[in-house]
């Protein structure tokens, strides 16, 4: 290896370490903050705690409200993922395999959803959810999240489905396999990488969503974990140690889900990049 290659490798590793530090430092501070007092958090935010006090983590875990918030977030996130995968995959399959009048225009119209931030529709969305009687229910969050996730989901699904071998469908069609049967029996089993990719994106987005639950949920019985975190903020004092312990425990499911599907995410994003 020449000195030039060695220098480039060193610079590349150094750059990656710097970028990783920007990600890991806040996470480490959050985890350590759950072991500190409020005074120590203000004076020593990034350092190790003077005494490893597990009282704050224990207080969160022993609180029934914590598990209720996790349950609500899990139900809403899983519901959003399932609906997005079913509707998005089915719609993308039609665009990828079936040619009909106006298909390109309709596909372009769906992609317009990528241009509009979620917050711009929050007022009419609240009015519509209220009118159909879904306020303060899980569906008030699941259905809008699914709708706003479909544009990206259909785009990714269609790109992946378009790269599947045409010969496979032609052979199945000769054997009497229709579009619907081919979709369930062949397309979906071959699409595990892109299904995992879209599923992780939707799950993480739903798990961390704060604005929509804040607007459409009023009862603590259906609060998600971002709303539950507000209980530690008073009018004059914020219990930062409990807040950081709460955040640490609630981000664990999203991190585990992401790590478990990491290899599928890479395969799903690169699977439709080139023709095989």
C-alpha atoms as a PDB file:
ATOM      1  CA  UNK A   1       0.000   0.000   0.000  1.00  0.00           C
ATOM      2  CA  UNK A   2       1.433   3.352  -1.028  1.00  0.00           C
ATOM      3  CA  UNK A   3       1.751   6.307   1.310  1.00  0.00           C
ATOM      4  CA  UNK A   4      -0.996   8.119  -0.616  1.00  0.00           C
ATOM      5  CA  UNK A   5      -3.475   5.290  -0.076  1.00  0.00           C
ATOM      6  CA  UNK A   6      -2.485   5.052   3.590  1.00  0.00           C
ATOM      7  CA  UNK A   7      -3.038   8.784   4.075  1.00  0.00           C
ATOM      8  CA  UNK A   8      -6.457   8.628   2.422  1.00  0.00           C
ATOM      9  CA  UNK A   9      -7.476   5.690   4.603  1.00  0.00           C
ATOM     10  CA  UNK A  10      -6.348   7.501   7.751  1.00  0.00           C
ATOM     11  CA  UNK A  11      -8.278  10.634   6.739  1.00  0.00           C
ATOM     12  CA  UNK A  12     -11.347   8.558   5.906  1.00  0.00           C
ATOM     13  CA  UNK A  13     -11.274   6.801   9.279  1.00  0.00           C
ATOM     14  CA  UNK A  14     -10.714  10.102  11.090  1.00  0.00           C
ATOM     15  CA  UNK A  15     -13.653  11.686   9.274  1.00  0.00           C
ATOM     16  CA  UNK A  16     -15.924   8.748  10.118  1.00  0.00           C
ATOM     17  CA  UNK A  17     -14.860   8.903  13.768  1.00  0.00           C
ATOM     18  CA  UNK A  18     -15.700  12.617  13.899  1.00  0.00           C
ATOM     19  CA  UNK A  19     -19.115  12.029  12.350  1.00  0.00           C
ATOM     20  CA  UNK A  20     -19.768   9.112  14.721  1.00  0.00           C
ATOM     21  CA  UNK A  21     -18.868  11.279  17.708  1.00  0.00           C
ATOM     22  CA  UNK A  22     -21.599  13.773  16.790  1.00  0.00           C
ATOM     23  CA  UNK A  23     -24.094  10.894  16.912  1.00  0.00           C
ATOM     24  CA  UNK A  24     -22.757   8.996  19.926  1.00  0.00           C
ATOM     25  CA  UNK A  25     -21.999  11.965  22.204  1.00  0.00           C
ATOM     26  CA  UNK A  26     -25.667  13.037  22.682  1.00  0.00           C
ATOM     27  CA  UNK A  27     -26.700   9.407  23.096  1.00  0.00           C
ATOM     28  CA  UNK A  28     -23.999   8.811  25.697  1.00  0.00           C
ATOM     29  CA  UNK A  29     -24.944  12.003  27.532  1.00  0.00           C
ATOM     30  CA  UNK A  30     -28.582  10.866  27.586  1.00  0.00           C
ATOM     31  CA  UNK A  31     -27.723   7.443  29.014  1.00  0.00           C
ATOM     32  CA  UNK A  32     -25.369   8.843  31.653  1.00  0.00           C
ATOM     33  CA  UNK A  33     -27.814  11.609  32.554  1.00  0.00           C
ATOM     34  CA  UNK A  34     -30.205   8.995  33.920  1.00  0.00           C
ATOM     35  CA  UNK A  35     -27.641   8.179  36.645  1.00  0.00           C
ATOM     36  CA  UNK A  36     -27.001  11.796  37.725  1.00  0.00           C
ATOM     37  CA  UNK A  37     -28.725  14.364  39.864  1.00  0.00           C
ATOM     38  CA  UNK A  38     -30.116  17.501  38.235  1.00  0.00           C
ATOM     39  CA  UNK A  39     -27.277  19.569  39.667  1.00  0.00           C
ATOM     40  CA  UNK A  40     -24.660  17.191  38.265  1.00  0.00           C
ATOM     41  CA  UNK A  41     -26.315  17.231  34.822  1.00  0.00           C
ATOM     42  CA  UNK A  42     -25.921  21.025  34.700  1.00  0.00           C
ATOM     43  CA  UNK A  43     -22.263  20.991  35.771  1.00  0.00           C
ATOM     44  CA  UNK A  44     -21.047  17.738  34.206  1.00  0.00           C
ATOM     45  CA  UNK A  45     -23.304  16.858  31.285  1.00  0.00           C
ATOM     46  CA  UNK A  46     -20.873  14.664  29.314  1.00  0.00           C
ATOM     47  CA  UNK A  47     -18.728  13.222  32.097  1.00  0.00           C
ATOM     48  CA  UNK A  48     -19.224  10.084  34.162  1.00  0.00           C
ATOM     49  CA  UNK A  49     -21.530  10.412  37.179  1.00  0.00           C
ATOM     50  CA  UNK A  50     -19.912  10.840  40.579  1.00  0.00           C
ATOM     51  CA  UNK A  51     -22.139   8.033  41.877  1.00  0.00           C
ATOM     52  CA  UNK A  52     -23.971   5.506  39.704  1.00  0.00           C
ATOM     53  CA  UNK A  53     -27.479   5.973  41.065  1.00  0.00           C
ATOM     54  CA  UNK A  54     -29.992   3.560  39.471  1.00  0.00           C
ATOM     55  CA  UNK A  55     -32.898   5.068  41.390  1.00  0.00           C
ATOM     56  CA  UNK A  56     -34.133   7.125  38.450  1.00  0.00           C
ATOM     57  CA  UNK A  57     -34.138   4.201  36.009  1.00  0.00           C
ATOM     58  CA  UNK A  58     -35.859   2.073  38.632  1.00  0.00           C
ATOM     59  CA  UNK A  59     -38.474   4.750  39.198  1.00  0.00           C
ATOM     60  CA  UNK A  60     -39.291   4.826  35.478  1.00  0.00           C
ATOM     61  CA  UNK A  61     -39.446   1.040  35.089  1.00  0.00           C
ATOM     62  CA  UNK A  62     -41.665   0.615  38.152  1.00  0.00           C
ATOM     63  CA  UNK A  63     -44.146   3.226  36.908  1.00  0.00           C
ATOM     64  CA  UNK A  64     -47.176   1.559  35.201  1.00  0.00           C
ATOM     65  CA  UNK A  65     -47.608   4.658  33.045  1.00  0.00           C
ATOM     66  CA  UNK A  66     -44.246   3.968  31.376  1.00  0.00           C
ATOM     67  CA  UNK A  67     -45.384   0.563  30.165  1.00  0.00           C
ATOM     68  CA  UNK A  68     -48.720   2.011  29.051  1.00  0.00           C
ATOM     69  CA  UNK A  69     -46.937   4.634  26.950  1.00  0.00           C
ATOM     70  CA  UNK A  70     -44.706   1.942  25.435  1.00  0.00           C
ATOM     71  CA  UNK A  71     -47.733  -0.220  24.654  1.00  0.00           C
ATOM     72  CA  UNK A  72     -49.522   2.636  22.914  1.00  0.00           C
ATOM     73  CA  UNK A  73     -46.436   3.587  20.909  1.00  0.00           C
ATOM     74  CA  UNK A  74     -45.844  -0.035  19.913  1.00  0.00           C
ATOM     75  CA  UNK A  75     -49.449  -0.572  18.782  1.00  0.00           C
ATOM     76  CA  UNK A  76     -49.485   2.655  16.788  1.00  0.00           C
ATOM     77  CA  UNK A  77     -46.082   2.028  15.215  1.00  0.00           C
ATOM     78  CA  UNK A  78     -46.802  -1.594  14.279  1.00  0.00           C
ATOM     79  CA  UNK A  79     -50.237  -0.634  12.947  1.00  0.00           C
ATOM     80  CA  UNK A  80     -48.707   2.109  10.795  1.00  0.00           C
ATOM     81  CA  UNK A  81     -46.054  -0.289   9.483  1.00  0.00           C
ATOM     82  CA  UNK A  82     -48.534  -3.040   8.602  1.00  0.00           C
ATOM     83  CA  UNK A  83     -50.937  -0.704   6.800  1.00  0.00           C
ATOM     84  CA  UNK A  84     -48.140   1.074   4.943  1.00  0.00           C
ATOM     85  CA  UNK A  85     -46.572  -2.195   3.785  1.00  0.00           C
ATOM     86  CA  UNK A  86     -49.858  -3.683   2.586  1.00  0.00           C
ATOM     87  CA  UNK A  87     -51.239  -0.609   0.829  1.00  0.00           C
ATOM     88  CA  UNK A  88     -47.870   0.673  -0.421  1.00  0.00           C
ATOM     89  CA  UNK A  89     -46.702  -2.682  -1.788  1.00  0.00           C
ATOM     90  CA  UNK A  90     -50.022  -3.355  -3.518  1.00  0.00           C
ATOM     91  CA  UNK A  91     -50.128   0.099  -5.132  1.00  0.00           C
ATOM     92  CA  UNK A  92     -46.475  -0.051  -6.186  1.00  0.00           C
ATOM     93  CA  UNK A  93     -47.011  -3.509  -7.696  1.00  0.00           C
ATOM     94  CA  UNK A  94     -49.753  -2.098  -9.915  1.00  0.00           C
ATOM     95  CA  UNK A  95     -47.523   0.749 -11.087  1.00  0.00           C
ATOM     96  CA  UNK A  96     -44.598  -1.607 -11.704  1.00  0.00           C
ATOM     97  CA  UNK A  97     -46.378  -4.474 -13.480  1.00  0.00           C
ATOM     98  CA  UNK A  98     -49.576  -3.099 -15.019  1.00  0.00           C
ATOM     99  CA  UNK A  99     -49.704  -0.438 -17.726  1.00  0.00           C
ATOM    100  CA  UNK A 100     -52.931   1.578 -17.855  1.00  0.00           C
ATOM    101  CA  UNK A 101     -53.999   5.001 -19.071  1.00  0.00           C
ATOM    102  CA  UNK A 102     -52.777   7.760 -16.753  1.00  0.00           C
ATOM    103  CA  UNK A 103     -50.503   5.505 -14.683  1.00  0.00           C
ATOM    104  CA  UNK A 104     -47.510   7.829 -14.947  1.00  0.00           C
ATOM    105  CA  UNK A 105     -49.576  10.897 -14.127  1.00  0.00           C
ATOM    106  CA  UNK A 106     -51.145   9.149 -11.133  1.00  0.00           C
ATOM    107  CA  UNK A 107     -47.736   7.968  -9.917  1.00  0.00           C
ATOM    108  CA  UNK A 108     -46.354  11.512 -10.210  1.00  0.00           C
ATOM    109  CA  UNK A 109     -49.367  12.840  -8.317  1.00  0.00           C
ATOM    110  CA  UNK A 110     -48.709  10.393  -5.461  1.00  0.00           C
ATOM    111  CA  UNK A 111     -45.073  11.475  -5.322  1.00  0.00           C
ATOM    112  CA  UNK A 112     -46.203  15.060  -4.729  1.00  0.00           C
ATOM    113  CA  UNK A 113     -46.779  13.948  -1.154  1.00  0.00           C
ATOM    114  CA  UNK A 114     -43.012  13.991  -0.664  1.00  0.00           C
ATOM    115  CA  UNK A 115     -42.995  17.762  -1.194  1.00  0.00           C
ATOM    116  CA  UNK A 116     -45.372  18.717   1.615  1.00  0.00           C
ATOM    117  CA  UNK A 117     -44.197  18.753   5.243  1.00  0.00           C
ATOM    118  CA  UNK A 118     -46.456  16.988   7.702  1.00  0.00           C
ATOM    119  CA  UNK A 119     -46.952  20.128   9.788  1.00  0.00           C
ATOM    120  CA  UNK A 120     -48.602  22.021   6.905  1.00  0.00           C
ATOM    121  CA  UNK A 121     -51.626  19.700   7.031  1.00  0.00           C
ATOM    122  CA  UNK A 122     -52.011  19.448  10.787  1.00  0.00           C
ATOM    123  CA  UNK A 123     -55.033  21.790  11.069  1.00  0.00           C
ATOM    124  CA  UNK A 124     -57.208  20.262   8.303  1.00  0.00           C
ATOM    125  CA  UNK A 125     -56.084  16.844   9.489  1.00  0.00           C
ATOM    126  CA  UNK A 126     -57.303  17.578  13.008  1.00  0.00           C
ATOM    127  CA  UNK A 127     -60.666  18.798  11.663  1.00  0.00           C
ATOM    128  CA  UNK A 128     -61.112  15.680   9.514  1.00  0.00           C
ATOM    129  CA  UNK A 129     -60.164  13.311  12.348  1.00  0.00           C
ATOM    130  CA  UNK A 130     -62.574  15.114  14.665  1.00  0.00           C
ATOM    131  CA  UNK A 131     -65.417  14.978  12.127  1.00  0.00           C
ATOM    132  CA  UNK A 132     -65.162  11.211  11.672  1.00  0.00           C
ATOM    133  CA  UNK A 133     -65.013  10.627  15.426  1.00  0.00           C
ATOM    134  CA  UNK A 134     -61.474   9.250  15.760  1.00  0.00           C
ATOM    135  CA  UNK A 135     -60.065  11.813  18.188  1.00  0.00           C
ATOM    136  CA  UNK A 136     -58.303  10.334  21.219  1.00  0.00           C
ATOM    137  CA  UNK A 137     -57.927   6.881  19.608  1.00  0.00           C
ATOM    138  CA  UNK A 138     -55.010   4.950  18.165  1.00  0.00           C
ATOM    139  CA  UNK A 139     -56.528   5.228  14.681  1.00  0.00           C
ATOM    140  CA  UNK A 140     -56.260   9.017  14.860  1.00  0.00           C
ATOM    141  CA  UNK A 141     -52.497   8.550  14.659  1.00  0.00           C
ATOM    142  CA  UNK A 142     -52.224   5.337  12.620  1.00  0.00           C
ATOM    143  CA  UNK A 143     -54.266   6.428   9.594  1.00  0.00           C
ATOM    144  CA  UNK A 144     -52.616   9.852   9.019  1.00  0.00           C
ATOM    145  CA  UNK A 145     -49.140   8.386   9.549  1.00  0.00           C
ATOM    146  CA  UNK A 146     -49.896   5.693   6.989  1.00  0.00           C
ATOM    147  CA  UNK A 147     -51.184   8.253   4.500  1.00  0.00           C
ATOM    148  CA  UNK A 148     -48.080  10.434   4.805  1.00  0.00           C
ATOM    149  CA  UNK A 149     -45.760   7.412   4.563  1.00  0.00           C
ATOM    150  CA  UNK A 150     -47.262   6.040   1.356  1.00  0.00           C
ATOM    151  CA  UNK A 151     -45.484   8.373  -1.080  1.00  0.00           C
ATOM    152  CA  UNK A 152     -42.004   7.235  -0.061  1.00  0.00           C
ATOM    153  CA  UNK A 153     -43.142   3.638   0.379  1.00  0.00           C
ATOM    154  CA  UNK A 154     -44.648   3.442  -3.116  1.00  0.00           C
ATOM    155  CA  UNK A 155     -41.552   5.026  -4.635  1.00  0.00           C
ATOM    156  CA  UNK A 156     -39.206   2.516  -2.997  1.00  0.00           C
ATOM    157  CA  UNK A 157     -41.476  -0.466  -3.677  1.00  0.00           C
ATOM    158  CA  UNK A 158     -41.995   0.427  -7.322  1.00  0.00           C
ATOM    159  CA  UNK A 159     -38.252   0.831  -7.905  1.00  0.00           C
ATOM    160  CA  UNK A 160     -37.594  -2.576  -6.377  1.00  0.00           C
ATOM    161  CA  UNK A 161     -40.490  -4.359  -8.094  1.00  0.00           C
ATOM    162  CA  UNK A 162     -39.419  -3.003 -11.484  1.00  0.00           C
ATOM    163  CA  UNK A 163     -36.118  -4.879 -11.173  1.00  0.00           C
ATOM    164  CA  UNK A 164     -37.715  -8.282 -10.636  1.00  0.00           C
ATOM    165  CA  UNK A 165     -37.206 -10.599 -13.658  1.00  0.00           C
ATOM    166  CA  UNK A 166     -40.012 -10.226 -16.200  1.00  0.00           C
ATOM    167  CA  UNK A 167     -39.452 -13.837 -17.234  1.00  0.00           C
ATOM    168  CA  UNK A 168     -40.655 -14.969 -13.804  1.00  0.00           C
ATOM    169  CA  UNK A 169     -44.037 -13.316 -14.271  1.00  0.00           C
ATOM    170  CA  UNK A 170     -44.351 -14.526 -17.854  1.00  0.00           C
ATOM    171  CA  UNK A 171     -43.708 -18.126 -16.800  1.00  0.00           C
ATOM    172  CA  UNK A 172     -46.208 -17.831 -13.937  1.00  0.00           C
ATOM    173  CA  UNK A 173     -48.786 -16.244 -16.250  1.00  0.00           C
ATOM    174  CA  UNK A 174     -48.460 -19.143 -18.716  1.00  0.00           C
ATOM    175  CA  UNK A 175     -49.128 -21.546 -15.832  1.00  0.00           C
ATOM    176  CA  UNK A 176     -52.356 -19.697 -15.082  1.00  0.00           C
ATOM    177  CA  UNK A 177     -51.103 -17.415 -12.286  1.00  0.00           C
ATOM    178  CA  UNK A 178     -52.905 -14.056 -12.199  1.00  0.00           C
ATOM    179  CA  UNK A 179     -51.691 -10.705 -10.959  1.00  0.00           C
ATOM    180  CA  UNK A 180     -53.046 -11.062  -7.422  1.00  0.00           C
ATOM    181  CA  UNK A 181     -51.703 -14.571  -6.903  1.00  0.00           C
ATOM    182  CA  UNK A 182     -48.315 -13.616  -8.355  1.00  0.00           C
ATOM    183  CA  UNK A 183     -48.165 -10.660  -5.978  1.00  0.00           C
ATOM    184  CA  UNK A 184     -48.743 -12.783  -2.869  1.00  0.00           C
ATOM    185  CA  UNK A 185     -46.914 -15.945  -3.944  1.00  0.00           C
ATOM    186  CA  UNK A 186     -43.838 -14.529  -5.706  1.00  0.00           C
ATOM    187  CA  UNK A 187     -43.421 -10.756  -5.434  1.00  0.00           C
ATOM    188  CA  UNK A 188     -43.704 -10.361  -1.660  1.00  0.00           C
ATOM    189  CA  UNK A 189     -41.463 -13.349  -0.757  1.00  0.00           C
ATOM    190  CA  UNK A 190     -38.768 -11.956  -3.070  1.00  0.00           C
ATOM    191  CA  UNK A 191     -39.097  -8.464  -1.577  1.00  0.00           C
ATOM    192  CA  UNK A 192     -37.983  -9.056   2.018  1.00  0.00           C
ATOM    193  CA  UNK A 193     -35.165  -6.446   1.810  1.00  0.00           C
ATOM    194  CA  UNK A 194     -37.392  -3.596   0.639  1.00  0.00           C
ATOM    195  CA  UNK A 195     -40.178  -4.627   3.019  1.00  0.00           C
ATOM    196  CA  UNK A 196     -37.713  -4.404   5.909  1.00  0.00           C
ATOM    197  CA  UNK A 197     -36.384  -1.070   4.652  1.00  0.00           C
ATOM    198  CA  UNK A 198     -39.786   0.585   4.419  1.00  0.00           C
ATOM    199  CA  UNK A 199     -40.873  -1.052   7.667  1.00  0.00           C
ATOM    200  CA  UNK A 200     -37.918   0.377   9.598  1.00  0.00           C
ATOM    201  CA  UNK A 201     -38.394   3.865   8.141  1.00  0.00           C
ATOM    202  CA  UNK A 202     -42.079   3.917   9.040  1.00  0.00           C
ATOM    203  CA  UNK A 203     -41.557   2.362  12.475  1.00  0.00           C
ATOM    204  CA  UNK A 204     -38.856   4.825  13.553  1.00  0.00           C
ATOM    205  CA  UNK A 205     -40.810   7.791  12.194  1.00  0.00           C
ATOM    206  CA  UNK A 206     -43.963   6.669  13.981  1.00  0.00           C
ATOM    207  CA  UNK A 207     -42.131   5.806  17.205  1.00  0.00           C
ATOM    208  CA  UNK A 208     -40.636   9.303  17.445  1.00  0.00           C
ATOM    209  CA  UNK A 209     -43.676  11.248  16.230  1.00  0.00           C
ATOM    210  CA  UNK A 210     -44.637  13.990  18.642  1.00  0.00           C
ATOM    211  CA  UNK A 211     -46.718  16.595  16.779  1.00  0.00           C
ATOM    212  CA  UNK A 212     -49.563  14.388  15.542  1.00  0.00           C
ATOM    213  CA  UNK A 213     -50.200  12.575  18.875  1.00  0.00           C
ATOM    214  CA  UNK A 214     -50.025  15.933  20.650  1.00  0.00           C
ATOM    215  CA  UNK A 215     -52.834  17.289  18.463  1.00  0.00           C
ATOM    216  CA  UNK A 216     -55.200  14.290  18.273  1.00  0.00           C
ATOM    217  CA  UNK A 217     -54.671  12.551  21.648  1.00  0.00           C
ATOM    218  CA  UNK A 218     -56.069  14.056  24.861  1.00  0.00           C
ATOM    219  CA  UNK A 219     -56.258  11.163  27.335  1.00  0.00           C
ATOM    220  CA  UNK A 220     -53.229   9.798  29.157  1.00  0.00           C
ATOM    221  CA  UNK A 221     -54.595   6.306  28.534  1.00  0.00           C
ATOM    222  CA  UNK A 222     -53.666   6.597  24.832  1.00  0.00           C
ATOM    223  CA  UNK A 223     -50.580   8.819  25.140  1.00  0.00           C
ATOM    224  CA  UNK A 224     -47.472   7.705  23.280  1.00  0.00           C
ATOM    225  CA  UNK A 225     -44.044   7.877  24.894  1.00  0.00           C
ATOM    226  CA  UNK A 226     -43.119  11.364  23.508  1.00  0.00           C
ATOM    227  CA  UNK A 227     -46.249  12.750  25.166  1.00  0.00           C
ATOM    228  CA  UNK A 228     -45.587  10.786  28.340  1.00  0.00           C
ATOM    229  CA  UNK A 229     -42.223  12.487  28.626  1.00  0.00           C
ATOM    230  CA  UNK A 230     -44.018  15.785  29.339  1.00  0.00           C
ATOM    231  CA  UNK A 231     -45.042  14.551  32.801  1.00  0.00           C
ATOM    232  CA  UNK A 232     -41.505  15.285  34.039  1.00  0.00           C
ATOM    233  CA  UNK A 233     -41.706  18.937  33.048  1.00  0.00           C
ATOM    234  CA  UNK A 234     -43.268  21.214  35.636  1.00  0.00           C
ATOM    235  CA  UNK A 235     -44.074  24.905  35.551  1.00  0.00           C
ATOM    236  CA  UNK A 236     -40.847  25.867  37.284  1.00  0.00           C
ATOM    237  CA  UNK A 237     -38.667  22.736  37.442  1.00  0.00           C
ATOM    238  CA  UNK A 238     -37.829  20.023  34.901  1.00  0.00           C
ATOM    239  CA  UNK A 239     -36.706  16.656  36.265  1.00  0.00           C
ATOM    240  CA  UNK A 240     -33.933  16.140  33.745  1.00  0.00           C
ATOM    241  CA  UNK A 241     -32.591  12.936  35.296  1.00  0.00           C
ATOM    242  CA  UNK A 242     -35.984  11.227  35.056  1.00  0.00           C
ATOM    243  CA  UNK A 243     -36.509  12.660  31.572  1.00  0.00           C
ATOM    244  CA  UNK A 244     -33.169  11.319  30.311  1.00  0.00           C
ATOM    245  CA  UNK A 245     -33.738   7.927  31.933  1.00  0.00           C
ATOM    246  CA  UNK A 246     -37.187   7.815  30.320  1.00  0.00           C
ATOM    247  CA  UNK A 247     -35.791   8.706  26.884  1.00  0.00           C
ATOM    248  CA  UNK A 248     -33.018   6.111  27.188  1.00  0.00           C
ATOM    249  CA  UNK A 249     -35.455   3.317  27.962  1.00  0.00           C
ATOM    250  CA  UNK A 250     -37.903   4.305  25.221  1.00  0.00           C
ATOM    251  CA  UNK A 251     -35.368   4.530  22.387  1.00  0.00           C
ATOM    252  CA  UNK A 252     -34.146   0.980  23.025  1.00  0.00           C
ATOM    253  CA  UNK A 253     -36.952  -0.706  20.992  1.00  0.00           C
ATOM    254  CA  UNK A 254     -36.323   1.524  17.966  1.00  0.00           C
ATOM    255  CA  UNK A 255     -32.557   0.877  18.100  1.00  0.00           C
ATOM    256  CA  UNK A 256     -33.040  -2.886  18.455  1.00  0.00           C
ATOM    257  CA  UNK A 257     -35.512  -2.928  15.563  1.00  0.00           C
ATOM    258  CA  UNK A 258     -33.130  -0.930  13.392  1.00  0.00           C
ATOM    259  CA  UNK A 259     -30.108  -3.109  14.177  1.00  0.00           C
ATOM    260  CA  UNK A 260     -32.067  -6.304  13.558  1.00  0.00           C
ATOM    261  CA  UNK A 261     -33.075  -5.132  10.082  1.00  0.00           C
ATOM    262  CA  UNK A 262     -29.849  -3.304   9.209  1.00  0.00           C
ATOM    263  CA  UNK A 263     -28.615  -5.752   6.572  1.00  0.00           C
ATOM    264  CA  UNK A 264     -32.025  -5.781   4.895  1.00  0.00           C
ATOM    265  CA  UNK A 265     -32.064  -1.976   4.778  1.00  0.00           C
ATOM    266  CA  UNK A 266     -28.823  -1.857   2.798  1.00  0.00           C
ATOM    267  CA  UNK A 267     -30.015  -4.616   0.460  1.00  0.00           C
ATOM    268  CA  UNK A 268     -33.366  -2.925  -0.032  1.00  0.00           C
ATOM    269  CA  UNK A 269     -31.928   0.481  -0.865  1.00  0.00           C
ATOM    270  CA  UNK A 270     -29.363  -0.909  -3.295  1.00  0.00           C
ATOM    271  CA  UNK A 271     -31.485  -3.706  -4.764  1.00  0.00           C
ATOM    272  CA  UNK A 272     -33.231  -1.434  -7.256  1.00  0.00           C
ATOM    273  CA  UNK A 273     -30.269   0.798  -8.002  1.00  0.00           C
ATOM    274  CA  UNK A 274     -28.955  -1.185 -10.952  1.00  0.00           C
ATOM    275  CA  UNK A 275     -30.391  -3.702 -13.332  1.00  0.00           C
ATOM    276  CA  UNK A 276     -29.232  -7.279 -12.835  1.00  0.00           C
END
